Amino acid sequence: MTKTMIAGELVRLARELVGMDFPTRDAMDKYLKQHPDADRSKHRVVPYDPSDMNTHPFNLMRQRKNEKALAQIGKHYKKDPKDLTVDEIERYNRRRAR
């Protein structure tokens, strides 16, 4: 397997686990029609603006993954993820790494 094939497979797996962001509703509907087993709740429409790197699909996937992690930490501390402190997040991650 070449590096390009491995990279393509990793991207495909990441999309399955995290979901995808589409620039238009039509693009998302077309994808969901081609993949009837896809979980509709994991996909969303987010317009991509080339001048704003935060809207790049890979950055959006990373952000979505971080949101899930923060939600889990918030559940542990019985807090809203927005109210977590940096110390709480670091303590949780250190405990989990053991």
PDB file of N, CA and C in Angstrom:
ATOM      1  N   MET A   1       0.834  -1.176   0.000  1.00  0.00           N
ATOM      2  CA  MET A   1       0.000   0.000   0.000  1.00  0.00           C
ATOM      3  C   MET A   1       0.884   1.248   0.000  1.00  0.00           C
ATOM      4  N   THR A   2       0.597   2.169  -0.864  1.00  0.00           N
ATOM      5  CA  THR A   2       1.393   3.396  -0.924  1.00  0.00           C
ATOM      6  C   THR A   2       0.937   4.383   0.153  1.00  0.00           C
ATOM      7  N   LYS A   3       1.767   5.389   0.386  1.00  0.00           N
ATOM      8  CA  LYS A   3       1.426   6.413   1.384  1.00  0.00           C
ATOM      9  C   LYS A   3       0.137   7.135   1.001  1.00  0.00           C
ATOM     10  N   THR A   4      -0.047   7.364  -0.294  1.00  0.00           N
ATOM     11  CA  THR A   4      -1.248   8.053  -0.755  1.00  0.00           C
ATOM     12  C   THR A   4      -2.489   7.216  -0.467  1.00  0.00           C
ATOM     13  N   MET A   5      -2.386   5.911  -0.686  1.00  0.00           N
ATOM     14  CA  MET A   5      -3.524   5.025  -0.421  1.00  0.00           C
ATOM     15  C   MET A   5      -3.838   4.981   1.074  1.00  0.00           C
ATOM     16  N   ILE A   6      -2.797   4.949   1.890  1.00  0.00           N
ATOM     17  CA  ILE A   6      -2.989   4.925   3.342  1.00  0.00           C
ATOM     18  C   ILE A   6      -3.636   6.226   3.809  1.00  0.00           C
ATOM     19  N   ALA A   7      -3.142   7.347   3.292  1.00  0.00           N
ATOM     20  CA  ALA A   7      -3.706   8.648   3.658  1.00  0.00           C
ATOM     21  C   ALA A   7      -5.177   8.723   3.254  1.00  0.00           C
ATOM     22  N   GLY A   8      -5.505   8.248   2.070  1.00  0.00           N
ATOM     23  CA  GLY A   8      -6.896   8.246   1.615  1.00  0.00           C
ATOM     24  C   GLY A   8      -7.776   7.390   2.501  1.00  0.00           C
ATOM     25  N   GLU A   9      -7.265   6.244   2.911  1.00  0.00           N
ATOM     26  CA  GLU A   9      -8.019   5.344   3.789  1.00  0.00           C
ATOM     27  C   GLU A   9      -8.228   5.975   5.162  1.00  0.00           C
ATOM     28  N   LEU A  10      -7.212   6.663   5.688  1.00  0.00           N
ATOM     29  CA  LEU A  10      -7.349   7.335   6.983  1.00  0.00           C
ATOM     30  C   LEU A  10      -8.397   8.446   6.927  1.00  0.00           C
ATOM     31  N   VAL A  11      -8.413   9.190   5.829  1.00  0.00           N
ATOM     32  CA  VAL A  11      -9.414  10.250   5.674  1.00  0.00           C
ATOM     33  C   VAL A  11     -10.808   9.632   5.617  1.00  0.00           C
ATOM     34  N   ARG A  12     -10.944   8.526   4.905  1.00  0.00           N
ATOM     35  CA  ARG A  12     -12.242   7.859   4.787  1.00  0.00           C
ATOM     36  C   ARG A  12     -12.720   7.380   6.162  1.00  0.00           C
ATOM     37  N   LEU A  13     -11.813   6.796   6.933  1.00  0.00           N
ATOM     38  CA  LEU A  13     -12.178   6.322   8.264  1.00  0.00           C
ATOM     39  C   LEU A  13     -12.561   7.474   9.188  1.00  0.00           C
ATOM     40  N   ALA A  14     -11.814   8.568   9.106  1.00  0.00           N
ATOM     41  CA  ALA A  14     -12.125   9.741   9.929  1.00  0.00           C
ATOM     42  C   ALA A  14     -13.505  10.283   9.595  1.00  0.00           C
ATOM     43  N   ARG A  15     -13.832  10.306   8.322  1.00  0.00           N
ATOM     44  CA  ARG A  15     -15.150  10.792   7.914  1.00  0.00           C
ATOM     45  C   ARG A  15     -16.258   9.897   8.452  1.00  0.00           C
ATOM     46  N   GLU A  16     -16.022   8.592   8.458  1.00  0.00           N
ATOM     47  CA  GLU A  16     -17.032   7.673   8.983  1.00  0.00           C
ATOM     48  C   GLU A  16     -17.243   7.880  10.473  1.00  0.00           C
ATOM     49  N   LEU A  17     -16.166   8.102  11.208  1.00  0.00           N
ATOM     50  CA  LEU A  17     -16.266   8.244  12.652  1.00  0.00           C
ATOM     51  C   LEU A  17     -16.812   9.599  13.072  1.00  0.00           C
ATOM     52  N   VAL A  18     -16.377  10.638  12.398  1.00  0.00           N
ATOM     53  CA  VAL A  18     -16.696  11.992  12.828  1.00  0.00           C
ATOM     54  C   VAL A  18     -17.849  12.582  12.049  1.00  0.00           C
ATOM     55  N   GLY A  19     -18.002  12.225  10.804  1.00  0.00           N
ATOM     56  CA  GLY A  19     -18.997  12.852   9.948  1.00  0.00           C
ATOM     57  C   GLY A  19     -18.322  13.834   9.024  1.00  0.00           C
ATOM     58  N   MET A  20     -19.101  14.418   8.157  1.00  0.00           N
ATOM     59  CA  MET A  20     -18.525  15.346   7.183  1.00  0.00           C
ATOM     60  C   MET A  20     -19.287  16.658   7.213  1.00  0.00           C
ATOM     61  N   ASP A  21     -18.599  17.702   6.810  1.00  0.00           N
ATOM     62  CA  ASP A  21     -19.199  19.015   6.656  1.00  0.00           C
ATOM     63  C   ASP A  21     -19.263  19.316   5.170  1.00  0.00           C
ATOM     64  N   PHE A  22     -20.421  19.771   4.707  1.00  0.00           N
ATOM     65  CA  PHE A  22     -20.629  20.037   3.291  1.00  0.00           C
ATOM     66  C   PHE A  22     -20.860  21.519   3.060  1.00  0.00           C
ATOM     67  N   PRO A  23     -20.412  22.033   1.905  1.00  0.00           N
ATOM     68  CA  PRO A  23     -20.579  23.468   1.637  1.00  0.00           C
ATOM     69  C   PRO A  23     -22.026  23.847   1.297  1.00  0.00           C
ATOM     70  N   THR A  24     -22.836  22.888   0.792  1.00  0.00           N
ATOM     71  CA  THR A  24     -24.221  23.176   0.435  1.00  0.00           C
ATOM     72  C   THR A  24     -25.123  22.017   0.857  1.00  0.00           C
ATOM     73  N   ARG A  25     -26.406  22.295   0.982  1.00  0.00           N
ATOM     74  CA  ARG A  25     -27.390  21.266   1.321  1.00  0.00           C
ATOM     75  C   ARG A  25     -27.462  20.225   0.198  1.00  0.00           C
ATOM     76  N   ASP A  26     -27.364  20.689  -1.069  1.00  0.00           N
ATOM     77  CA  ASP A  26     -27.409  19.760  -2.205  1.00  0.00           C
ATOM     78  C   ASP A  26     -26.263  18.753  -2.148  1.00  0.00           C
ATOM     79  N   ALA A  27     -25.069  19.221  -1.790  1.00  0.00           N
ATOM     80  CA  ALA A  27     -23.912  18.328  -1.708  1.00  0.00           C
ATOM     81  C   ALA A  27     -24.130  17.280  -0.617  1.00  0.00           C
ATOM     82  N   MET A  28     -24.686  17.702   0.511  1.00  0.00           N
ATOM     83  CA  MET A  28     -24.938  16.756   1.590  1.00  0.00           C
ATOM     84  C   MET A  28     -26.014  15.751   1.191  1.00  0.00           C
ATOM     85  N   ASP A  29     -27.086  16.233   0.566  1.00  0.00           N
ATOM     86  CA  ASP A  29     -28.150  15.326   0.133  1.00  0.00           C
ATOM     87  C   ASP A  29     -27.648  14.314  -0.888  1.00  0.00           C
ATOM     88  N   LYS A  30     -26.785  14.758  -1.803  1.00  0.00           N
ATOM     89  CA  LYS A  30     -26.219  13.853  -2.804  1.00  0.00           C
ATOM     90  C   LYS A  30     -25.372  12.767  -2.120  1.00  0.00           C
ATOM     91  N   TYR A  31     -24.558  13.175  -1.147  1.00  0.00           N
ATOM     92  CA  TYR A  31     -23.725  12.213  -0.420  1.00  0.00           C
ATOM     93  C   TYR A  31     -24.595  11.201   0.319  1.00  0.00           C
ATOM     94  N   LEU A  32     -25.622  11.688   1.012  1.00  0.00           N
ATOM     95  CA  LEU A  32     -26.487  10.796   1.786  1.00  0.00           C
ATOM     96  C   LEU A  32     -27.282   9.858   0.884  1.00  0.00           C
ATOM     97  N   LYS A  33     -27.599  10.313  -0.310  1.00  0.00           N
ATOM     98  CA  LYS A  33     -28.306   9.442  -1.273  1.00  0.00           C
ATOM     99  C   LYS A  33     -27.380   8.312  -1.737  1.00  0.00           C
ATOM    100  N   GLN A  34     -26.085   8.639  -1.927  1.00  0.00           N
ATOM    101  CA  GLN A  34     -25.111   7.635  -2.364  1.00  0.00           C
ATOM    102  C   GLN A  34     -24.718   6.705  -1.217  1.00  0.00           C
ATOM    103  N   HIS A  35     -24.883   7.152   0.027  1.00  0.00           N
ATOM    104  CA  HIS A  35     -24.511   6.358   1.202  1.00  0.00           C
ATOM    105  C   HIS A  35     -25.735   6.225   2.112  1.00  0.00           C
ATOM    106  N   PRO A  36     -26.664   5.352   1.771  1.00  0.00           N
ATOM    107  CA  PRO A  36     -27.914   5.261   2.537  1.00  0.00           C
ATOM    108  C   PRO A  36     -27.732   4.813   3.989  1.00  0.00           C
ATOM    109  N   ASP A  37     -26.627   4.155   4.311  1.00  0.00           N
ATOM    110  CA  ASP A  37     -26.395   3.702   5.680  1.00  0.00           C
ATOM    111  C   ASP A  37     -25.748   4.774   6.558  1.00  0.00           C
ATOM    112  N   ALA A  38     -25.432   5.921   5.978  1.00  0.00           N
ATOM    113  CA  ALA A  38     -24.753   6.982   6.733  1.00  0.00           C
ATOM    114  C   ALA A  38     -25.684   7.551   7.803  1.00  0.00           C
ATOM    115  N   ASP A  39     -25.105   7.900   8.938  1.00  0.00           N
ATOM    116  CA  ASP A  39     -25.858   8.497  10.035  1.00  0.00           C
ATOM    117  C   ASP A  39     -26.024   9.988   9.746  1.00  0.00           C
ATOM    118  N   ARG A  40     -27.239  10.392   9.423  1.00  0.00           N
ATOM    119  CA  ARG A  40     -27.514  11.773   9.027  1.00  0.00           C
ATOM    120  C   ARG A  40     -27.124  12.779  10.122  1.00  0.00           C
ATOM    121  N   SER A  41     -27.203  12.370  11.382  1.00  0.00           N
ATOM    122  CA  SER A  41     -26.920  13.300  12.479  1.00  0.00           C
ATOM    123  C   SER A  41     -25.440  13.666  12.578  1.00  0.00           C
ATOM    124  N   LYS A  42     -24.560  12.893  11.941  1.00  0.00           N
ATOM    125  CA  LYS A  42     -23.125  13.185  12.006  1.00  0.00           C
ATOM    126  C   LYS A  42     -22.675  14.170  10.926  1.00  0.00           C
ATOM    127  N   HIS A  43     -23.555  14.509  10.013  1.00  0.00           N
ATOM    128  CA  HIS A  43     -23.196  15.384   8.888  1.00  0.00           C
ATOM    129  C   HIS A  43     -23.929  16.707   9.017  1.00  0.00           C
ATOM    130  N   ARG A  44     -23.293  17.762   8.512  1.00  0.00           N
ATOM    131  CA  ARG A  44     -23.918  19.082   8.569  1.00  0.00           C
ATOM    132  C   ARG A  44     -23.447  19.941   7.399  1.00  0.00           C
ATOM    133  N   VAL A  45     -24.169  21.041   7.183  1.00  0.00           N
ATOM    134  CA  VAL A  45     -23.836  21.986   6.118  1.00  0.00           C
ATOM    135  C   VAL A  45     -23.115  23.175   6.745  1.00  0.00           C
ATOM    136  N   VAL A  46     -21.874  23.403   6.294  1.00  0.00           N
ATOM    137  CA  VAL A  46     -21.077  24.544   6.753  1.00  0.00           C
ATOM    138  C   VAL A  46     -20.407  25.136   5.516  1.00  0.00           C
ATOM    139  N   PRO A  47     -20.790  26.341   5.143  1.00  0.00           N
ATOM    140  CA  PRO A  47     -20.174  26.944   3.954  1.00  0.00           C
ATOM    141  C   PRO A  47     -18.670  27.120   4.147  1.00  0.00           C
ATOM    142  N   TYR A  48     -17.901  26.714   3.158  1.00  0.00           N
ATOM    143  CA  TYR A  48     -16.440  26.838   3.212  1.00  0.00           C
ATOM    144  C   TYR A  48     -16.030  28.178   2.631  1.00  0.00           C
ATOM    145  N   ASP A  49     -15.327  28.965   3.431  1.00  0.00           N
ATOM    146  CA  ASP A  49     -14.811  30.263   3.004  1.00  0.00           C
ATOM    147  C   ASP A  49     -13.289  30.145   2.915  1.00  0.00           C
ATOM    148  N   PRO A  50     -12.703  30.167   1.702  1.00  0.00           N
ATOM    149  CA  PRO A  50     -11.256  29.996   1.569  1.00  0.00           C
ATOM    150  C   PRO A  50     -10.426  31.011   2.344  1.00  0.00           C
ATOM    151  N   SER A  51     -10.982  32.182   2.630  1.00  0.00           N
ATOM    152  CA  SER A  51     -10.217  33.189   3.373  1.00  0.00           C
ATOM    153  C   SER A  51     -10.225  32.917   4.888  1.00  0.00           C
ATOM    154  N   ASP A  52     -11.087  31.992   5.336  1.00  0.00           N
ATOM    155  CA  ASP A  52     -11.179  31.664   6.762  1.00  0.00           C
ATOM    156  C   ASP A  52     -10.820  30.196   6.956  1.00  0.00           C
ATOM    157  N   MET A  53      -9.613  29.927   7.462  1.00  0.00           N
ATOM    158  CA  MET A  53      -9.146  28.548   7.611  1.00  0.00           C
ATOM    159  C   MET A  53      -9.964  27.764   8.640  1.00  0.00           C
ATOM    160  N   ASN A  54     -10.695  28.440   9.514  1.00  0.00           N
ATOM    161  CA  ASN A  54     -11.528  27.728  10.490  1.00  0.00           C
ATOM    162  C   ASN A  54     -12.677  26.993   9.826  1.00  0.00           C
ATOM    163  N   THR A  55     -13.042  27.364   8.606  1.00  0.00           N
ATOM    164  CA  THR A  55     -14.128  26.684   7.904  1.00  0.00           C
ATOM    165  C   THR A  55     -13.614  25.584   6.974  1.00  0.00           C
ATOM    166  N   HIS A  56     -12.314  25.337   6.978  1.00  0.00           N
ATOM    167  CA  HIS A  56     -11.770  24.248   6.166  1.00  0.00           C
ATOM    168  C   HIS A  56     -12.280  22.923   6.730  1.00  0.00           C
ATOM    169  N   PRO A  57     -12.679  21.979   5.883  1.00  0.00           N
ATOM    170  CA  PRO A  57     -13.258  20.720   6.378  1.00  0.00           C
ATOM    171  C   PRO A  57     -12.407  19.987   7.406  1.00  0.00           C
ATOM    172  N   PHE A  58     -11.092  19.948   7.255  1.00  0.00           N
ATOM    173  CA  PHE A  58     -10.250  19.244   8.223  1.00  0.00           C
ATOM    174  C   PHE A  58     -10.247  19.956   9.567  1.00  0.00           C
ATOM    175  N   ASN A  59     -10.253  21.288   9.565  1.00  0.00           N
ATOM    176  CA  ASN A  59     -10.303  22.034  10.821  1.00  0.00           C
ATOM    177  C   ASN A  59     -11.653  21.846  11.512  1.00  0.00           C
ATOM    178  N   LEU A  60     -12.721  21.753  10.714  1.00  0.00           N
ATOM    179  CA  LEU A  60     -14.038  21.534  11.296  1.00  0.00           C
ATOM    180  C   LEU A  60     -14.131  20.157  11.935  1.00  0.00           C
ATOM    181  N   MET A  61     -13.522  19.131  11.314  1.00  0.00           N
ATOM    182  CA  MET A  61     -13.522  17.791  11.900  1.00  0.00           C
ATOM    183  C   MET A  61     -12.769  17.795  13.228  1.00  0.00           C
ATOM    184  N   ARG A  62     -11.642  18.479  13.269  1.00  0.00           N
ATOM    185  CA  ARG A  62     -10.851  18.560  14.510  1.00  0.00           C
ATOM    186  C   ARG A  62     -11.662  19.275  15.598  1.00  0.00           C
ATOM    187  N   GLN A  63     -12.329  20.353  15.218  1.00  0.00           N
ATOM    188  CA  GLN A  63     -13.133  21.113  16.177  1.00  0.00           C
ATOM    189  C   GLN A  63     -14.274  20.251  16.720  1.00  0.00           C
ATOM    190  N   ARG A  64     -14.924  19.491  15.858  1.00  0.00           N
ATOM    191  CA  ARG A  64     -16.029  18.639  16.291  1.00  0.00           C
ATOM    192  C   ARG A  64     -15.532  17.563  17.265  1.00  0.00           C
ATOM    193  N   LYS A  65     -14.351  17.002  16.988  1.00  0.00           N
ATOM    194  CA  LYS A  65     -13.766  15.998  17.878  1.00  0.00           C
ATOM    195  C   LYS A  65     -13.481  16.617  19.246  1.00  0.00           C
ATOM    196  N   ASN A  66     -12.944  17.848  19.266  1.00  0.00           N
ATOM    197  CA  ASN A  66     -12.648  18.537  20.527  1.00  0.00           C
ATOM    198  C   ASN A  66     -13.926  18.835  21.304  1.00  0.00           C
ATOM    199  N   GLU A  67     -15.002  19.177  20.603  1.00  0.00           N
ATOM    200  CA  GLU A  67     -16.271  19.454  21.270  1.00  0.00           C
ATOM    201  C   GLU A  67     -16.779  18.201  21.983  1.00  0.00           C
ATOM    202  N   LYS A  68     -16.636  17.046  21.344  1.00  0.00           N
ATOM    203  CA  LYS A  68     -17.070  15.793  21.961  1.00  0.00           C
ATOM    204  C   LYS A  68     -16.238  15.494  23.200  1.00  0.00           C
ATOM    205  N   ALA A  69     -14.939  15.719  23.117  1.00  0.00           N
ATOM    206  CA  ALA A  69     -14.062  15.472  24.270  1.00  0.00           C
ATOM    207  C   ALA A  69     -14.428  16.397  25.422  1.00  0.00           C
ATOM    208  N   LEU A  70     -14.673  17.666  25.128  1.00  0.00           N
ATOM    209  CA  LEU A  70     -15.040  18.617  26.182  1.00  0.00           C
ATOM    210  C   LEU A  70     -16.396  18.265  26.799  1.00  0.00           C
ATOM    211  N   ALA A  71     -17.309  17.768  25.997  1.00  0.00           N
ATOM    212  CA  ALA A  71     -18.608  17.358  26.526  1.00  0.00           C
ATOM    213  C   ALA A  71     -18.438  16.199  27.508  1.00  0.00           C
ATOM    214  N   GLN A  72     -17.537  15.280  27.197  1.00  0.00           N
ATOM    215  CA  GLN A  72     -17.283  14.151  28.087  1.00  0.00           C
ATOM    216  C   GLN A  72     -16.644  14.629  29.399  1.00  0.00           C
ATOM    217  N   ILE A  73     -15.705  15.552  29.311  1.00  0.00           N
ATOM    218  CA  ILE A  73     -15.072  16.095  30.522  1.00  0.00           C
ATOM    219  C   ILE A  73     -16.106  16.863  31.348  1.00  0.00           C
ATOM    220  N   GLY A  74     -16.952  17.630  30.674  1.00  0.00           N
ATOM    221  CA  GLY A  74     -18.007  18.365  31.370  1.00  0.00           C
ATOM    222  C   GLY A  74     -18.949  17.435  32.096  1.00  0.00           C
ATOM    223  N   LYS A  75     -19.268  16.291  31.476  1.00  0.00           N
ATOM    224  CA  LYS A  75     -20.135  15.306  32.116  1.00  0.00           C
ATOM    225  C   LYS A  75     -19.468  14.754  33.382  1.00  0.00           C
ATOM    226  N   HIS A  76     -18.156  14.552  33.309  1.00  0.00           N
ATOM    227  CA  HIS A  76     -17.413  14.038  34.468  1.00  0.00           C
ATOM    228  C   HIS A  76     -17.494  15.017  35.641  1.00  0.00           C
ATOM    229  N   TYR A  77     -17.321  16.307  35.354  1.00  0.00           N
ATOM    230  CA  TYR A  77     -17.348  17.321  36.415  1.00  0.00           C
ATOM    231  C   TYR A  77     -18.756  17.864  36.681  1.00  0.00           C
ATOM    232  N   LYS A  78     -19.752  17.343  35.950  1.00  0.00           N
ATOM    233  CA  LYS A  78     -21.142  17.796  36.067  1.00  0.00           C
ATOM    234  C   LYS A  78     -21.238  19.304  35.836  1.00  0.00           C
ATOM    235  N   LYS A  79     -20.611  19.744  34.741  1.00  0.00           N
ATOM    236  CA  LYS A  79     -20.585  21.164  34.383  1.00  0.00           C
ATOM    237  C   LYS A  79     -20.852  21.316  32.892  1.00  0.00           C
ATOM    238  N   ASP A  80     -21.239  22.519  32.514  1.00  0.00           N
ATOM    239  CA  ASP A  80     -21.336  22.853  31.101  1.00  0.00           C
ATOM    240  C   ASP A  80     -19.905  22.929  30.555  1.00  0.00           C
ATOM    241  N   PRO A  81     -19.624  22.334  29.383  1.00  0.00           N
ATOM    242  CA  PRO A  81     -18.253  22.364  28.843  1.00  0.00           C
ATOM    243  C   PRO A  81     -17.668  23.773  28.713  1.00  0.00           C
ATOM    244  N   LYS A  82     -18.523  24.775  28.521  1.00  0.00           N
ATOM    245  CA  LYS A  82     -18.031  26.148  28.405  1.00  0.00           C
ATOM    246  C   LYS A  82     -17.491  26.680  29.733  1.00  0.00           C
ATOM    247  N   ASP A  83     -17.931  26.077  30.843  1.00  0.00           N
ATOM    248  CA  ASP A  83     -17.519  26.545  32.166  1.00  0.00           C
ATOM    249  C   ASP A  83     -16.294  25.814  32.710  1.00  0.00           C
ATOM    250  N   LEU A  84     -15.735  24.890  31.959  1.00  0.00           N
ATOM    251  CA  LEU A  84     -14.564  24.149  32.418  1.00  0.00           C
ATOM    252  C   LEU A  84     -13.335  25.047  32.470  1.00  0.00           C
ATOM    253  N   THR A  85     -12.505  24.827  33.467  1.00  0.00           N
ATOM    254  CA  THR A  85     -11.248  25.562  33.538  1.00  0.00           C
ATOM    255  C   THR A  85     -10.144  24.725  32.897  1.00  0.00           C
ATOM    256  N   VAL A  86      -9.054  25.366  32.564  1.00  0.00           N
ATOM    257  CA  VAL A  86      -7.914  24.667  31.968  1.00  0.00           C
ATOM    258  C   VAL A  86      -7.376  23.621  32.939  1.00  0.00           C
ATOM    259  N   ASP A  87      -7.351  23.953  34.239  1.00  0.00           N
ATOM    260  CA  ASP A  87      -6.872  23.010  35.254  1.00  0.00           C
ATOM    261  C   ASP A  87      -7.724  21.747  35.298  1.00  0.00           C
ATOM    262  N   GLU A  88      -9.044  21.903  35.202  1.00  0.00           N
ATOM    263  CA  GLU A  88      -9.928  20.731  35.221  1.00  0.00           C
ATOM    264  C   GLU A  88      -9.685  19.833  34.010  1.00  0.00           C
ATOM    265  N   ILE A  89      -9.512  20.435  32.868  1.00  0.00           N
ATOM    266  CA  ILE A  89      -9.263  19.668  31.643  1.00  0.00           C
ATOM    267  C   ILE A  89      -7.934  18.927  31.746  1.00  0.00           C
ATOM    268  N   GLU A  90      -6.904  19.606  32.228  1.00  0.00           N
ATOM    269  CA  GLU A  90      -5.588  18.964  32.368  1.00  0.00           C
ATOM    270  C   GLU A  90      -5.629  17.829  33.391  1.00  0.00           C
ATOM    271  N   ARG A  91      -6.311  18.043  34.529  1.00  0.00           N
ATOM    272  CA  ARG A  91      -6.434  16.992  35.545  1.00  0.00           C
ATOM    273  C   ARG A  91      -7.147  15.767  34.988  1.00  0.00           C
ATOM    274  N   TYR A  92      -8.231  16.001  34.254  1.00  0.00           N
ATOM    275  CA  TYR A  92      -8.987  14.886  33.660  1.00  0.00           C
ATOM    276  C   TYR A  92      -8.106  14.111  32.680  1.00  0.00           C
ATOM    277  N   ASN A  93      -7.382  14.825  31.832  1.00  0.00           N
ATOM    278  CA  ASN A  93      -6.528  14.158  30.839  1.00  0.00           C
ATOM    279  C   ASN A  93      -5.380  13.413  31.498  1.00  0.00           C
ATOM    280  N   ARG A  94      -4.814  13.962  32.582  1.00  0.00           N
ATOM    281  CA  ARG A  94      -3.733  13.250  33.292  1.00  0.00           C
ATOM    282  C   ARG A  94      -4.255  11.966  33.927  1.00  0.00           C
ATOM    283  N   ARG A  95      -5.441  12.041  34.543  1.00  0.00           N
ATOM    284  CA  ARG A  95      -6.035  10.864  35.156  1.00  0.00           C
ATOM    285  C   ARG A  95      -6.319   9.785  34.111  1.00  0.00           C
ATOM    286  N   ARG A  96      -6.785  10.214  32.960  1.00  0.00           N
ATOM    287  CA  ARG A  96      -7.132   9.287  31.887  1.00  0.00           C
ATOM    288  C   ARG A  96      -5.894   8.632  31.272  1.00  0.00           C
ATOM    289  N   ALA A  97      -4.777   9.346  31.286  1.00  0.00           N
ATOM    290  CA  ALA A  97      -3.539   8.842  30.676  1.00  0.00           C
ATOM    291  C   ALA A  97      -2.885   7.759  31.516  1.00  0.00           C
ATOM    292  N   ARG A  98      -3.232   7.666  32.778  1.00  0.00           N
ATOM    293  CA  ARG A  98      -2.587   6.667  33.655  1.00  0.00           C
ATOM    294  C   ARG A  98      -2.914   5.276  33.269  1.00  0.00           C
TER     295      ARG A  98
END
